[in-house]
Amino acid sequence: MTRDQLKQRFTAILALDSHPGHIAAGFAVGVFISITPFFGLHTAMAVAAAFLFRLNKLTTITGAWINTPLTVPPVLIACYKLGAWLLGETARPFSVTTLEWDYLKGYAEALMLGSAVIGLAAAAAGYGLCYWLVVRFRRKDPALAELTRETLLTGEDLEQVLEQPDRNRP
């Protein structure tokens, strides 16, 4: 993916016609998923979570792609060591030679606990950063600034509000 393509996708996310909190929530769920050790399933898990929790699919998938092949080994090691420490265990030597379950299952309990804790922390940070970026980006464009103002006032997506029938009408 070229720099221009990456910039276009990033701009598309920041300009979505949705409440900044809704955009950030999808991204945060994706970031949590990216920390889990279920390699090869992150995208499918992100799509499933987006449908289940009615989140934006684009932002959820983008968040799930945050943990790249370059960052997976150090994240896995950190998750395992934190999990072992929380369980009161002595961390065994852990080197990522393969991502196959047969190799990782001996470390599973500590790895899952550490992944949950680090995933929650990363999701919270991702939510805050994404929310701030969306609001800041939208301030630069008058139409997007108005969209943000209106969504913050209603607390919902404007399209959802407009699609609902007015229950006060006879």
C-alpha atoms as a PDB file:
ATOM      1  CA  MET A   1       0.000   0.000   0.000  1.00  0.00           C
ATOM      2  CA  THR A   2       1.452   3.357  -1.003  1.00  0.00           C
ATOM      3  CA  ARG A   3       1.614   6.381   1.247  1.00  0.00           C
ATOM      4  CA  ASP A   4      -1.144   8.112  -0.743  1.00  0.00           C
ATOM      5  CA  GLN A   5      -3.427   5.079  -0.451  1.00  0.00           C
ATOM      6  CA  LEU A   6      -2.797   4.906   3.274  1.00  0.00           C
ATOM      7  CA  LYS A   7      -3.555   8.614   3.635  1.00  0.00           C
ATOM      8  CA  GLN A   8      -6.804   8.201   1.642  1.00  0.00           C
ATOM      9  CA  ARG A   9      -7.973   5.342   3.882  1.00  0.00           C
ATOM     10  CA  PHE A  10      -7.078   7.254   7.012  1.00  0.00           C
ATOM     11  CA  THR A  11      -8.956  10.310   5.725  1.00  0.00           C
ATOM     12  CA  ALA A  12     -11.963   8.132   4.860  1.00  0.00           C
ATOM     13  CA  ILE A  13     -12.112   6.847   8.440  1.00  0.00           C
ATOM     14  CA  LEU A  14     -11.821  10.305   9.963  1.00  0.00           C
ATOM     15  CA  ALA A  15     -14.543  11.676   7.666  1.00  0.00           C
ATOM     16  CA  LEU A  16     -17.086   8.895   8.269  1.00  0.00           C
ATOM     17  CA  ASP A  17     -20.654  10.123   8.737  1.00  0.00           C
ATOM     18  CA  SER A  18     -20.873   8.868  12.288  1.00  0.00           C
ATOM     19  CA  HIS A  19     -20.473   9.976  15.883  1.00  0.00           C
ATOM     20  CA  PRO A  20     -16.780  10.197  16.857  1.00  0.00           C
ATOM     21  CA  GLY A  21     -17.455   7.833  19.757  1.00  0.00           C
ATOM     22  CA  HIS A  22     -18.940   5.251  17.394  1.00  0.00           C
ATOM     23  CA  ILE A  23     -15.911   5.449  15.104  1.00  0.00           C
ATOM     24  CA  ALA A  24     -13.520   5.244  18.068  1.00  0.00           C
ATOM     25  CA  ALA A  25     -15.425   2.315  19.619  1.00  0.00           C
ATOM     26  CA  GLY A  26     -15.059   0.263  16.447  1.00  0.00           C
ATOM     27  CA  PHE A  27     -11.370   1.056  16.291  1.00  0.00           C
ATOM     28  CA  ALA A  28     -10.883   0.172  19.975  1.00  0.00           C
ATOM     29  CA  VAL A  29     -12.596  -3.215  19.593  1.00  0.00           C
ATOM     30  CA  GLY A  30     -10.357  -3.914  16.606  1.00  0.00           C
ATOM     31  CA  VAL A  31      -7.248  -2.967  18.585  1.00  0.00           C
ATOM     32  CA  PHE A  32      -8.291  -5.363  21.365  1.00  0.00           C
ATOM     33  CA  ILE A  33      -8.749  -8.132  18.796  1.00  0.00           C
ATOM     34  CA  SER A  34      -5.330  -7.397  17.285  1.00  0.00           C
ATOM     35  CA  ILE A  35      -3.634  -8.176  20.608  1.00  0.00           C
ATOM     36  CA  THR A  36      -5.231 -11.625  20.917  1.00  0.00           C
ATOM     37  CA  PRO A  37      -3.136 -14.638  19.878  1.00  0.00           C
ATOM     38  CA  PHE A  38      -5.742 -15.867  17.370  1.00  0.00           C
ATOM     39  CA  PHE A  39      -3.591 -15.238  14.306  1.00  0.00           C
ATOM     40  CA  GLY A  40      -5.330 -15.658  10.991  1.00  0.00           C
ATOM     41  CA  LEU A  41      -8.691 -14.963  12.610  1.00  0.00           C
ATOM     42  CA  HIS A  42      -8.307 -11.278  13.463  1.00  0.00           C
ATOM     43  CA  THR A  43     -10.154  -9.981  10.401  1.00  0.00           C
ATOM     44  CA  ALA A  44     -12.977 -12.497  10.768  1.00  0.00           C
ATOM     45  CA  MET A  45     -13.246 -11.704  14.480  1.00  0.00           C
ATOM     46  CA  ALA A  46     -13.329  -7.972  13.702  1.00  0.00           C
ATOM     47  CA  VAL A  47     -16.138  -8.382  11.156  1.00  0.00           C
ATOM     48  CA  ALA A  48     -18.083 -10.597  13.572  1.00  0.00           C
ATOM     49  CA  ALA A  49     -17.632  -8.098  16.424  1.00  0.00           C
ATOM     50  CA  ALA A  50     -18.682  -5.228  14.162  1.00  0.00           C
ATOM     51  CA  PHE A  51     -21.910  -7.043  13.247  1.00  0.00           C
ATOM     52  CA  LEU A  52     -22.571  -8.236  16.797  1.00  0.00           C
ATOM     53  CA  PHE A  53     -22.041  -4.843  18.442  1.00  0.00           C
ATOM     54  CA  ARG A  54     -23.259  -2.757  15.477  1.00  0.00           C
ATOM     55  CA  LEU A  55     -19.887  -1.079  15.020  1.00  0.00           C
ATOM     56  CA  ASN A  56     -18.388   0.393  11.907  1.00  0.00           C
ATOM     57  CA  LYS A  57     -16.755  -2.457   9.993  1.00  0.00           C
ATOM     58  CA  LEU A  58     -14.055  -0.281   8.428  1.00  0.00           C
ATOM     59  CA  THR A  59     -12.799   1.063  11.754  1.00  0.00           C
ATOM     60  CA  THR A  60     -13.034  -2.315  13.490  1.00  0.00           C
ATOM     61  CA  ILE A  61     -11.015  -4.052  10.765  1.00  0.00           C
ATOM     62  CA  THR A  62      -8.495  -1.197  10.720  1.00  0.00           C
ATOM     63  CA  GLY A  63      -8.015  -1.577  14.464  1.00  0.00           C
ATOM     64  CA  ALA A  64      -7.566  -5.333  14.069  1.00  0.00           C
ATOM     65  CA  TRP A  65      -4.688  -4.706  11.661  1.00  0.00           C
ATOM     66  CA  ILE A  66      -2.738  -2.521  14.118  1.00  0.00           C
ATOM     67  CA  ASN A  67      -0.641  -5.421  15.419  1.00  0.00           C
ATOM     68  CA  THR A  68       1.556  -6.119  12.406  1.00  0.00           C
ATOM     69  CA  PRO A  69       3.900  -9.066  11.782  1.00  0.00           C
ATOM     70  CA  LEU A  70       6.770  -6.890  13.013  1.00  0.00           C
ATOM     71  CA  THR A  71       5.069  -6.171  16.335  1.00  0.00           C
ATOM     72  CA  VAL A  72       3.545  -9.624  16.983  1.00  0.00           C
ATOM     73  CA  PRO A  73       6.620 -11.253  18.612  1.00  0.00           C
ATOM     74  CA  PRO A  74       7.292  -8.493  21.173  1.00  0.00           C
ATOM     75  CA  VAL A  75       3.564  -8.153  21.937  1.00  0.00           C
ATOM     76  CA  LEU A  76       3.223 -11.920  22.440  1.00  0.00           C
ATOM     77  CA  ILE A  77       6.230 -12.017  24.742  1.00  0.00           C
ATOM     78  CA  ALA A  78       4.942  -9.044  26.752  1.00  0.00           C
ATOM     79  CA  CYS A  79       1.484 -10.636  27.023  1.00  0.00           C
ATOM     80  CA  TYR A  80       2.937 -13.932  28.191  1.00  0.00           C
ATOM     81  CA  LYS A  81       5.269 -12.361  30.756  1.00  0.00           C
ATOM     82  CA  LEU A  82       2.514 -10.129  32.165  1.00  0.00           C
ATOM     83  CA  GLY A  83       0.099 -13.057  32.335  1.00  0.00           C
ATOM     84  CA  ALA A  84       2.649 -15.279  34.076  1.00  0.00           C
ATOM     85  CA  TRP A  85       3.403 -12.514  36.580  1.00  0.00           C
ATOM     86  CA  LEU A  86      -0.330 -11.968  37.279  1.00  0.00           C
ATOM     87  CA  LEU A  87      -0.769 -15.723  37.806  1.00  0.00           C
ATOM     88  CA  GLY A  88       2.187 -15.772  40.203  1.00  0.00           C
ATOM     89  CA  GLU A  89       4.163 -18.083  37.947  1.00  0.00           C
ATOM     90  CA  THR A  90       7.751 -17.871  36.909  1.00  0.00           C
ATOM     91  CA  ALA A  91       7.861 -17.059  33.221  1.00  0.00           C
ATOM     92  CA  ARG A  92       9.509 -19.823  31.230  1.00  0.00           C
ATOM     93  CA  PRO A  93      11.726 -18.891  28.297  1.00  0.00           C
ATOM     94  CA  PHE A  94       9.397 -17.856  25.491  1.00  0.00           C
ATOM     95  CA  SER A  95      10.585 -17.437  21.966  1.00  0.00           C
ATOM     96  CA  VAL A  96       8.283 -17.117  19.017  1.00  0.00           C
ATOM     97  CA  THR A  97       9.479 -19.778  16.616  1.00  0.00           C
ATOM     98  CA  THR A  98       6.039 -20.547  15.238  1.00  0.00           C
ATOM     99  CA  LEU A  99       2.529 -19.229  15.692  1.00  0.00           C
ATOM    100  CA  GLU A 100       0.951 -22.679  15.654  1.00  0.00           C
ATOM    101  CA  TRP A 101      -1.348 -23.573  18.523  1.00  0.00           C
ATOM    102  CA  ASP A 102       0.537 -26.784  19.366  1.00  0.00           C
ATOM    103  CA  TYR A 103       3.544 -24.661  20.287  1.00  0.00           C
ATOM    104  CA  LEU A 104       1.616 -21.885  22.066  1.00  0.00           C
ATOM    105  CA  LYS A 105      -0.807 -24.034  24.129  1.00  0.00           C
ATOM    106  CA  GLY A 106       1.754 -24.596  26.898  1.00  0.00           C
ATOM    107  CA  TYR A 107       1.741 -20.864  27.439  1.00  0.00           C
ATOM    108  CA  ALA A 108      -2.014 -20.431  26.840  1.00  0.00           C
ATOM    109  CA  GLU A 109      -3.323 -19.438  30.278  1.00  0.00           C
ATOM    110  CA  ALA A 110      -0.681 -16.784  30.894  1.00  0.00           C
ATOM    111  CA  LEU A 111      -0.822 -15.661  27.272  1.00  0.00           C
ATOM    112  CA  MET A 112      -4.611 -15.234  27.292  1.00  0.00           C
ATOM    113  CA  LEU A 113      -4.611 -13.332  30.600  1.00  0.00           C
ATOM    114  CA  GLY A 114      -1.789 -11.050  29.499  1.00  0.00           C
ATOM    115  CA  SER A 115      -3.458 -10.513  26.119  1.00  0.00           C
ATOM    116  CA  ALA A 116      -6.699  -9.503  27.821  1.00  0.00           C
ATOM    117  CA  VAL A 117      -4.978  -6.971  30.090  1.00  0.00           C
ATOM    118  CA  ILE A 118      -2.730  -5.491  27.403  1.00  0.00           C
ATOM    119  CA  GLY A 119      -5.594  -5.612  24.888  1.00  0.00           C
ATOM    120  CA  LEU A 120      -7.871  -3.637  27.226  1.00  0.00           C
ATOM    121  CA  ALA A 121      -5.165  -1.039  27.849  1.00  0.00           C
ATOM    122  CA  ALA A 122      -4.392  -0.768  24.121  1.00  0.00           C
ATOM    123  CA  ALA A 123      -8.117  -0.532  23.293  1.00  0.00           C
ATOM    124  CA  ALA A 124      -8.617   2.282  25.823  1.00  0.00           C
ATOM    125  CA  ALA A 125      -5.632   4.170  24.396  1.00  0.00           C
ATOM    126  CA  GLY A 126      -6.838   3.480  20.847  1.00  0.00           C
ATOM    127  CA  TYR A 127     -10.319   4.773  21.678  1.00  0.00           C
ATOM    128  CA  GLY A 128      -8.970   8.020  23.110  1.00  0.00           C
ATOM    129  CA  LEU A 129      -6.532   8.587  20.272  1.00  0.00           C
ATOM    130  CA  CYS A 130      -9.069   7.794  17.551  1.00  0.00           C
ATOM    131  CA  TYR A 131     -11.757  10.012  19.129  1.00  0.00           C
ATOM    132  CA  TRP A 132      -9.302  12.897  19.428  1.00  0.00           C
ATOM    133  CA  LEU A 133      -8.089  12.457  15.834  1.00  0.00           C
ATOM    134  CA  VAL A 134     -11.637  12.364  14.415  1.00  0.00           C
ATOM    135  CA  VAL A 135     -12.692  15.526  16.258  1.00  0.00           C
ATOM    136  CA  ARG A 136      -9.447  17.333  15.423  1.00  0.00           C
ATOM    137  CA  PHE A 137      -9.584  16.326  11.741  1.00  0.00           C
ATOM    138  CA  ARG A 138     -13.203  17.419  11.418  1.00  0.00           C
ATOM    139  CA  ARG A 139     -12.498  20.892  12.832  1.00  0.00           C
ATOM    140  CA  LYS A 140     -10.485  21.668   9.689  1.00  0.00           C
ATOM    141  CA  ASP A 141     -13.483  21.296   7.356  1.00  0.00           C
ATOM    142  CA  PRO A 142     -16.627  23.385   8.026  1.00  0.00           C
ATOM    143  CA  ALA A 143     -19.019  20.668   6.799  1.00  0.00           C
ATOM    144  CA  LEU A 144     -17.317  17.989   8.900  1.00  0.00           C
ATOM    145  CA  ALA A 145     -17.178  20.351  11.891  1.00  0.00           C
ATOM    146  CA  GLU A 146     -20.957  20.817  11.634  1.00  0.00           C
ATOM    147  CA  LEU A 147     -21.437  17.050  11.353  1.00  0.00           C
ATOM    148  CA  THR A 148     -19.398  16.543  14.522  1.00  0.00           C
ATOM    149  CA  ARG A 149     -21.349  19.248  16.363  1.00  0.00           C
ATOM    150  CA  GLU A 150     -24.667  17.698  15.369  1.00  0.00           C
ATOM    151  CA  THR A 151     -23.652  14.148  16.248  1.00  0.00           C
ATOM    152  CA  LEU A 152     -22.316  15.296  19.610  1.00  0.00           C
ATOM    153  CA  LEU A 153     -25.619  17.056  20.296  1.00  0.00           C
ATOM    154  CA  THR A 154     -27.793  14.089  19.340  1.00  0.00           C
ATOM    155  CA  GLY A 155     -25.377  11.443  20.581  1.00  0.00           C
ATOM    156  CA  GLU A 156     -26.327   9.263  17.627  1.00  0.00           C
ATOM    157  CA  ASP A 157     -25.762   8.889  13.934  1.00  0.00           C
ATOM    158  CA  LEU A 158     -27.942  11.401  12.128  1.00  0.00           C
ATOM    159  CA  GLU A 159     -29.024   8.832   9.554  1.00  0.00           C
ATOM    160  CA  GLN A 160     -30.381   6.569  12.289  1.00  0.00           C
ATOM    161  CA  VAL A 161     -32.308   9.464  13.816  1.00  0.00           C
ATOM    162  CA  LEU A 162     -33.790  10.430  10.448  1.00  0.00           C
ATOM    163  CA  GLU A 163     -34.757   6.832   9.608  1.00  0.00           C
ATOM    164  CA  GLN A 164     -36.733   6.340  12.833  1.00  0.00           C
ATOM    165  CA  PRO A 165     -40.409   7.222  12.605  1.00  0.00           C
ATOM    166  CA  ASP A 166     -41.537  10.122  14.751  1.00  0.00           C
ATOM    167  CA  ARG A 167     -43.556   8.531  17.530  1.00  0.00           C
ATOM    168  CA  ASN A 168     -45.102  11.877  18.494  1.00  0.00           C
ATOM    169  CA  ARG A 169     -46.900  12.273  15.181  1.00  0.00           C
ATOM    170  CA  PRO A 170     -50.508  11.042  14.966  1.00  0.00           C
END
